[in-house]
């Protein structure tokens, strides 16, 4: 007699199927996703877009948005620009924002390497002679957090 043909065998099979489906249903799945608000204050002008990119590592930081964990852009407006990311899982990230005035999806730079367009980063690291590293902008983010960044425009830093 084959065990699968007996009532007891079918009972064990059913118990195993139920146990596996309920006990391991979350196994291997990513964390639940929720919202995150990204905000850039001090935006100057309405030309182009304000883009945001969330990086989970140094890879691509901060210029290659295609390698970002998530990225999106909204039309530029004077003052405060916000973007709500709806599909976000908690973790350690660094965020960069760019006022892409000519909508070419990159930070335009002067021959000296200094930015021509407005930009900002989480934790507001100082950019003295080079681009701040991922570690200086990284922070632990969780569901519902708001990341506020101050836009920096060319000329403002140089005047100080």
C-alpha atoms as a PDB file:
ATOM      1  CA  UNK A   1       0.000   0.000   0.000  1.00  0.00           C
ATOM      2  CA  UNK A   2       1.330   3.455  -0.942  1.00  0.00           C
ATOM      3  CA  UNK A   3       1.243   6.048   1.856  1.00  0.00           C
ATOM      4  CA  UNK A   4      -0.239   8.732  -0.423  1.00  0.00           C
ATOM      5  CA  UNK A   5      -3.230   6.446  -0.977  1.00  0.00           C
ATOM      6  CA  UNK A   6      -4.081   6.161   2.710  1.00  0.00           C
ATOM      7  CA  UNK A   7      -6.107   8.675   4.686  1.00  0.00           C
ATOM      8  CA  UNK A   8      -3.207   9.141   7.110  1.00  0.00           C
ATOM      9  CA  UNK A   9      -0.813   9.763   4.237  1.00  0.00           C
ATOM     10  CA  UNK A  10      -3.123  12.386   2.700  1.00  0.00           C
ATOM     11  CA  UNK A  11      -3.442  14.002   6.124  1.00  0.00           C
ATOM     12  CA  UNK A  12       0.322  14.277   6.486  1.00  0.00           C
ATOM     13  CA  UNK A  13       0.572  15.634   2.923  1.00  0.00           C
ATOM     14  CA  UNK A  14      -2.122  18.239   3.652  1.00  0.00           C
ATOM     15  CA  UNK A  15      -0.484  19.220   6.965  1.00  0.00           C
ATOM     16  CA  UNK A  16       2.908  19.611   5.233  1.00  0.00           C
ATOM     17  CA  UNK A  17       1.405  21.702   2.424  1.00  0.00           C
ATOM     18  CA  UNK A  18      -0.376  24.000   4.883  1.00  0.00           C
ATOM     19  CA  UNK A  19       2.691  24.300   7.121  1.00  0.00           C
ATOM     20  CA  UNK A  20       4.983  25.153   4.219  1.00  0.00           C
ATOM     21  CA  UNK A  21       2.598  27.703   2.728  1.00  0.00           C
ATOM     22  CA  UNK A  22       1.903  29.507   5.983  1.00  0.00           C
ATOM     23  CA  UNK A  23       5.245  29.271   7.773  1.00  0.00           C
ATOM     24  CA  UNK A  24       7.488  30.216   4.866  1.00  0.00           C
ATOM     25  CA  UNK A  25       5.184  32.496   2.882  1.00  0.00           C
ATOM     26  CA  UNK A  26       7.480  35.477   3.527  1.00  0.00           C
ATOM     27  CA  UNK A  27      10.715  33.583   3.059  1.00  0.00           C
ATOM     28  CA  UNK A  28      12.902  35.130   0.357  1.00  0.00           C
ATOM     29  CA  UNK A  29      10.570  38.060  -0.212  1.00  0.00           C
ATOM     30  CA  UNK A  30      11.698  41.669   0.180  1.00  0.00           C
ATOM     31  CA  UNK A  31      10.624  43.900   3.037  1.00  0.00           C
ATOM     32  CA  UNK A  32       7.202  45.515   2.902  1.00  0.00           C
ATOM     33  CA  UNK A  33       7.275  48.708   0.885  1.00  0.00           C
ATOM     34  CA  UNK A  34       5.878  52.055   1.927  1.00  0.00           C
ATOM     35  CA  UNK A  35       6.278  55.779   1.309  1.00  0.00           C
ATOM     36  CA  UNK A  36       9.181  58.210   1.595  1.00  0.00           C
ATOM     37  CA  UNK A  37       9.064  61.975   0.983  1.00  0.00           C
ATOM     38  CA  UNK A  38      11.993  63.713  -0.708  1.00  0.00           C
ATOM     39  CA  UNK A  39      12.100  67.500  -0.495  1.00  0.00           C
ATOM     40  CA  UNK A  40      14.374  70.129  -2.047  1.00  0.00           C
ATOM     41  CA  UNK A  41      14.152  73.622  -0.587  1.00  0.00           C
ATOM     42  CA  UNK A  42      15.558  76.773  -2.137  1.00  0.00           C
ATOM     43  CA  UNK A  43      14.791  75.831  -5.754  1.00  0.00           C
ATOM     44  CA  UNK A  44      15.373  78.852  -8.001  1.00  0.00           C
ATOM     45  CA  UNK A  45      13.284  79.062 -11.136  1.00  0.00           C
ATOM     46  CA  UNK A  46      10.724  77.072 -13.045  1.00  0.00           C
ATOM     47  CA  UNK A  47      12.818  75.861 -15.966  1.00  0.00           C
ATOM     48  CA  UNK A  48      13.374  72.124 -16.343  1.00  0.00           C
ATOM     49  CA  UNK A  49      12.933  69.514 -13.654  1.00  0.00           C
ATOM     50  CA  UNK A  50      14.033  68.735 -10.120  1.00  0.00           C
ATOM     51  CA  UNK A  51      15.275  65.153 -10.072  1.00  0.00           C
ATOM     52  CA  UNK A  52      15.828  62.926  -7.062  1.00  0.00           C
ATOM     53  CA  UNK A  53      17.918  59.752  -6.924  1.00  0.00           C
ATOM     54  CA  UNK A  54      18.193  57.322  -3.998  1.00  0.00           C
ATOM     55  CA  UNK A  55      21.414  55.296  -3.930  1.00  0.00           C
ATOM     56  CA  UNK A  56      21.929  52.173  -1.842  1.00  0.00           C
ATOM     57  CA  UNK A  57      25.716  52.061  -2.363  1.00  0.00           C
ATOM     58  CA  UNK A  58      28.661  53.970  -3.823  1.00  0.00           C
ATOM     59  CA  UNK A  59      27.975  52.408  -7.227  1.00  0.00           C
ATOM     60  CA  UNK A  60      26.960  55.258  -9.515  1.00  0.00           C
ATOM     61  CA  UNK A  61      26.926  57.855  -6.712  1.00  0.00           C
ATOM     62  CA  UNK A  62      25.938  60.631  -7.287  1.00  0.00           C
ATOM     63  CA  UNK A  63      25.933  61.231 -11.050  1.00  0.00           C
ATOM     64  CA  UNK A  64      24.683  58.022 -12.655  1.00  0.00           C
ATOM     65  CA  UNK A  65      20.986  58.027 -11.820  1.00  0.00           C
ATOM     66  CA  UNK A  66      20.494  54.869 -13.890  1.00  0.00           C
ATOM     67  CA  UNK A  67      22.386  52.952 -11.179  1.00  0.00           C
ATOM     68  CA  UNK A  68      20.301  54.451  -8.381  1.00  0.00           C
ATOM     69  CA  UNK A  69      18.018  52.305  -6.238  1.00  0.00           C
ATOM     70  CA  UNK A  70      15.163  54.617  -7.288  1.00  0.00           C
ATOM     71  CA  UNK A  71      14.926  57.886  -9.194  1.00  0.00           C
ATOM     72  CA  UNK A  72      12.258  60.263 -10.436  1.00  0.00           C
ATOM     73  CA  UNK A  73      11.760  63.923 -11.352  1.00  0.00           C
ATOM     74  CA  UNK A  74       9.047  66.564 -11.105  1.00  0.00           C
ATOM     75  CA  UNK A  75       8.633  69.941 -12.850  1.00  0.00           C
ATOM     76  CA  UNK A  76      10.694  72.695 -11.230  1.00  0.00           C
ATOM     77  CA  UNK A  77       9.067  75.499  -9.250  1.00  0.00           C
ATOM     78  CA  UNK A  78      10.425  78.257  -7.029  1.00  0.00           C
ATOM     79  CA  UNK A  79      10.903  77.373  -3.384  1.00  0.00           C
ATOM     80  CA  UNK A  80      10.065  73.904  -2.089  1.00  0.00           C
ATOM     81  CA  UNK A  81       9.759  70.897  -4.409  1.00  0.00           C
ATOM     82  CA  UNK A  82       8.581  67.554  -3.036  1.00  0.00           C
ATOM     83  CA  UNK A  83       8.364  64.054  -4.413  1.00  0.00           C
ATOM     84  CA  UNK A  84       6.682  61.125  -2.688  1.00  0.00           C
ATOM     85  CA  UNK A  85       8.263  57.769  -3.422  1.00  0.00           C
ATOM     86  CA  UNK A  86       5.540  55.177  -2.915  1.00  0.00           C
ATOM     87  CA  UNK A  87       7.556  51.993  -3.337  1.00  0.00           C
ATOM     88  CA  UNK A  88      10.319  52.229  -0.756  1.00  0.00           C
ATOM     89  CA  UNK A  89      11.842  49.665   1.598  1.00  0.00           C
ATOM     90  CA  UNK A  90      13.807  50.794   4.660  1.00  0.00           C
ATOM     91  CA  UNK A  91      17.604  50.707   4.695  1.00  0.00           C
ATOM     92  CA  UNK A  92      20.798  52.773   4.437  1.00  0.00           C
ATOM     93  CA  UNK A  93      20.684  55.206   1.526  1.00  0.00           C
ATOM     94  CA  UNK A  94      22.073  58.489   0.240  1.00  0.00           C
ATOM     95  CA  UNK A  95      19.874  60.894  -1.714  1.00  0.00           C
ATOM     96  CA  UNK A  96      20.899  63.463  -4.308  1.00  0.00           C
ATOM     97  CA  UNK A  97      18.734  66.120  -5.945  1.00  0.00           C
ATOM     98  CA  UNK A  98      19.420  68.129  -9.089  1.00  0.00           C
ATOM     99  CA  UNK A  99      17.695  71.147 -10.615  1.00  0.00           C
ATOM    100  CA  UNK A 100      18.099  70.034 -14.217  1.00  0.00           C
ATOM    101  CA  UNK A 101      17.275  73.358 -15.859  1.00  0.00           C
ATOM    102  CA  UNK A 102      17.918  72.187 -19.429  1.00  0.00           C
ATOM    103  CA  UNK A 103      16.346  68.720 -18.896  1.00  0.00           C
ATOM    104  CA  UNK A 104      19.400  66.776 -20.131  1.00  0.00           C
ATOM    105  CA  UNK A 105      19.325  64.389 -17.114  1.00  0.00           C
ATOM    106  CA  UNK A 106      22.781  65.327 -15.835  1.00  0.00           C
ATOM    107  CA  UNK A 107      24.532  67.931 -13.711  1.00  0.00           C
ATOM    108  CA  UNK A 108      26.133  70.390 -16.097  1.00  0.00           C
ATOM    109  CA  UNK A 109      29.566  71.546 -14.966  1.00  0.00           C
ATOM    110  CA  UNK A 110      31.925  74.402 -15.717  1.00  0.00           C
ATOM    111  CA  UNK A 111      35.389  73.627 -17.161  1.00  0.00           C
ATOM    112  CA  UNK A 112      36.672  73.871 -13.576  1.00  0.00           C
ATOM    113  CA  UNK A 113      34.394  70.975 -12.599  1.00  0.00           C
ATOM    114  CA  UNK A 114      32.087  73.125 -10.468  1.00  0.00           C
ATOM    115  CA  UNK A 115      28.340  72.681 -11.011  1.00  0.00           C
ATOM    116  CA  UNK A 116      26.408  75.032 -13.308  1.00  0.00           C
ATOM    117  CA  UNK A 117      23.035  73.874 -11.957  1.00  0.00           C
ATOM    118  CA  UNK A 118      21.525  73.569  -8.494  1.00  0.00           C
ATOM    119  CA  UNK A 119      22.076  70.423  -6.467  1.00  0.00           C
ATOM    120  CA  UNK A 120      21.661  69.042  -2.950  1.00  0.00           C
ATOM    121  CA  UNK A 121      22.326  65.892  -0.926  1.00  0.00           C
ATOM    122  CA  UNK A 122      21.011  64.177   2.155  1.00  0.00           C
ATOM    123  CA  UNK A 123      22.883  65.210   5.344  1.00  0.00           C
ATOM    124  CA  UNK A 124      24.066  68.324   3.441  1.00  0.00           C
ATOM    125  CA  UNK A 125      27.755  67.342   3.097  1.00  0.00           C
ATOM    126  CA  UNK A 126      30.165  70.089   2.106  1.00  0.00           C
ATOM    127  CA  UNK A 127      31.698  69.930  -1.359  1.00  0.00           C
ATOM    128  CA  UNK A 128      35.000  71.769  -1.034  1.00  0.00           C
ATOM    129  CA  UNK A 129      37.223  70.486  -3.847  1.00  0.00           C
ATOM    130  CA  UNK A 130      35.388  67.362  -4.957  1.00  0.00           C
ATOM    131  CA  UNK A 131      32.039  65.606  -4.919  1.00  0.00           C
ATOM    132  CA  UNK A 132      31.056  64.354  -1.459  1.00  0.00           C
ATOM    133  CA  UNK A 133      31.337  60.587  -1.012  1.00  0.00           C
ATOM    134  CA  UNK A 134      28.349  58.282  -0.549  1.00  0.00           C
ATOM    135  CA  UNK A 135      29.248  57.704   3.127  1.00  0.00           C
ATOM    136  CA  UNK A 136      29.036  61.431   3.931  1.00  0.00           C
ATOM    137  CA  UNK A 137      25.462  61.613   2.612  1.00  0.00           C
ATOM    138  CA  UNK A 138      24.196  58.174   3.694  1.00  0.00           C
ATOM    139  CA  UNK A 139      21.583  57.810   6.399  1.00  0.00           C
ATOM    140  CA  UNK A 140      19.273  55.104   7.731  1.00  0.00           C
ATOM    141  CA  UNK A 141      15.805  55.622   6.294  1.00  0.00           C
ATOM    142  CA  UNK A 142      12.577  53.975   7.325  1.00  0.00           C
ATOM    143  CA  UNK A 143       9.003  54.016   6.115  1.00  0.00           C
ATOM    144  CA  UNK A 144       7.359  57.414   6.322  1.00  0.00           C
ATOM    145  CA  UNK A 145      10.609  59.408   6.641  1.00  0.00           C
ATOM    146  CA  UNK A 146      11.112  62.803   5.028  1.00  0.00           C
ATOM    147  CA  UNK A 147      14.505  63.710   3.564  1.00  0.00           C
ATOM    148  CA  UNK A 148      14.945  67.491   3.395  1.00  0.00           C
ATOM    149  CA  UNK A 149      17.743  68.826   1.191  1.00  0.00           C
ATOM    150  CA  UNK A 150      18.897  72.397   0.631  1.00  0.00           C
ATOM    151  CA  UNK A 151      19.630  73.294  -2.986  1.00  0.00           C
ATOM    152  CA  UNK A 152      23.020  74.845  -3.725  1.00  0.00           C
ATOM    153  CA  UNK A 153      23.481  76.986  -6.797  1.00  0.00           C
ATOM    154  CA  UNK A 154      26.690  78.200  -8.468  1.00  0.00           C
ATOM    155  CA  UNK A 155      27.972  81.518  -7.201  1.00  0.00           C
ATOM    156  CA  UNK A 156      26.395  81.287  -3.767  1.00  0.00           C
ATOM    157  CA  UNK A 157      29.214  79.148  -2.300  1.00  0.00           C
ATOM    158  CA  UNK A 158      31.892  81.103  -4.170  1.00  0.00           C
ATOM    159  CA  UNK A 159      30.722  84.408  -2.670  1.00  0.00           C
ATOM    160  CA  UNK A 160      31.324  83.190   0.893  1.00  0.00           C
END
